[in-house]
């Protein structure tokens, strides 16, 4: 693990301390868990956006590609 210093507003720090006491965890662990949750949610949004963009691509392939995939892959 790497040590990182950051500035937090007093209210946010107070809320983190409340959660830490409720869950009987160190504040640093609560912060790590919250950061991980936030990053995972942001990455999930990025994946969702990528799939959304993929559905908007207009392809000019054959209309029966999914049913005749082997034919198009292996026949000449």
Protein backbone atom coordinates (compact mmCIF):
# COMPACT_ATOMS: atom_id res chain seq x y z
CA UNK A 1 0.00 0.00 0.00
CA UNK A 2 1.10 3.54 -0.68
CA UNK A 3 0.59 6.44 1.64
CA UNK A 4 -1.37 9.33 0.16
CA UNK A 5 -2.26 12.67 1.65
CA UNK A 6 -5.41 14.54 0.69
CA UNK A 7 -7.48 17.41 2.00
CA UNK A 8 -11.09 16.79 3.03
CA UNK A 9 -13.78 19.26 3.97
CA UNK A 10 -14.58 19.12 7.69
CA UNK A 11 -18.11 17.84 7.09
CA UNK A 12 -16.89 14.95 4.94
CA UNK A 13 -14.25 14.01 7.48
CA UNK A 14 -16.89 14.08 10.21
CA UNK A 15 -19.15 11.77 8.19
CA UNK A 16 -16.28 9.36 7.56
CA UNK A 17 -15.54 9.26 11.29
CA UNK A 18 -19.22 8.51 12.04
CA UNK A 19 -19.25 5.61 9.56
CA UNK A 20 -15.95 4.32 10.94
CA UNK A 21 -17.30 4.29 14.50
CA UNK A 22 -20.58 2.65 13.42
CA UNK A 23 -18.76 -0.10 11.54
CA UNK A 24 -15.93 -0.36 14.09
CA UNK A 25 -13.30 0.20 11.38
CA UNK A 26 -10.41 2.62 11.00
CA UNK A 27 -11.27 5.77 9.05
CA UNK A 28 -8.57 4.90 6.49
CA UNK A 29 -10.31 1.61 5.70
CA UNK A 30 -13.66 3.36 5.29
CA UNK A 31 -12.07 5.86 2.90
CA UNK A 32 -10.45 3.05 0.86
CA UNK A 33 -13.76 1.19 0.63
CA UNK A 34 -15.63 4.33 -0.43
CA UNK A 35 -13.03 5.16 -3.07
CA UNK A 36 -13.16 1.61 -4.44
CA UNK A 37 -16.96 1.71 -4.62
CA UNK A 38 -16.89 5.07 -6.41
CA UNK A 39 -14.24 3.98 -8.91
CA UNK A 40 -16.09 0.72 -9.63
CA UNK A 41 -19.31 2.66 -10.25
CA UNK A 42 -17.54 5.09 -12.58
CA UNK A 43 -15.92 2.22 -14.51
CA UNK A 44 -19.28 0.48 -14.78
CA UNK A 45 -20.73 3.65 -16.31
CA UNK A 46 -17.88 3.67 -18.82
CA UNK A 47 -18.61 0.06 -19.80
CA UNK A 48 -22.29 0.86 -20.14
CA UNK A 49 -21.50 3.85 -22.33
CA UNK A 50 -19.22 1.71 -24.52
CA UNK A 51 -21.97 -0.87 -25.07
CA UNK A 52 -24.41 1.93 -25.82
CA UNK A 53 -22.07 3.27 -28.50
CA UNK A 54 -21.65 -0.22 -29.95
CA UNK A 55 -25.39 -0.57 -30.42
CA UNK A 56 -25.43 2.64 -32.46
CA UNK A 57 -22.91 1.36 -35.01
CA UNK A 58 -24.55 0.68 -38.35
CA UNK A 59 -22.90 -2.43 -39.80
CA UNK A 60 -23.30 -3.55 -43.42
CA UNK A 61 -22.83 -7.27 -42.76
CA UNK A 62 -25.20 -10.04 -43.72
CA UNK A 63 -28.60 -10.02 -41.99
CA UNK A 64 -28.36 -13.74 -41.13
CA UNK A 65 -24.88 -13.65 -39.59
CA UNK A 66 -25.89 -15.00 -36.18
CA UNK A 67 -27.66 -18.04 -37.65
CA UNK A 68 -25.07 -18.77 -40.35
CA UNK A 69 -21.91 -17.86 -38.47
CA UNK A 70 -20.09 -21.12 -39.32
CA UNK A 71 -20.93 -20.69 -43.00
CA UNK A 72 -19.41 -17.21 -43.09
CA UNK A 73 -16.37 -18.16 -41.02
CA UNK A 74 -15.35 -21.45 -42.60
CA UNK A 75 -16.80 -21.66 -46.10
CA UNK A 76 -15.21 -19.94 -49.04
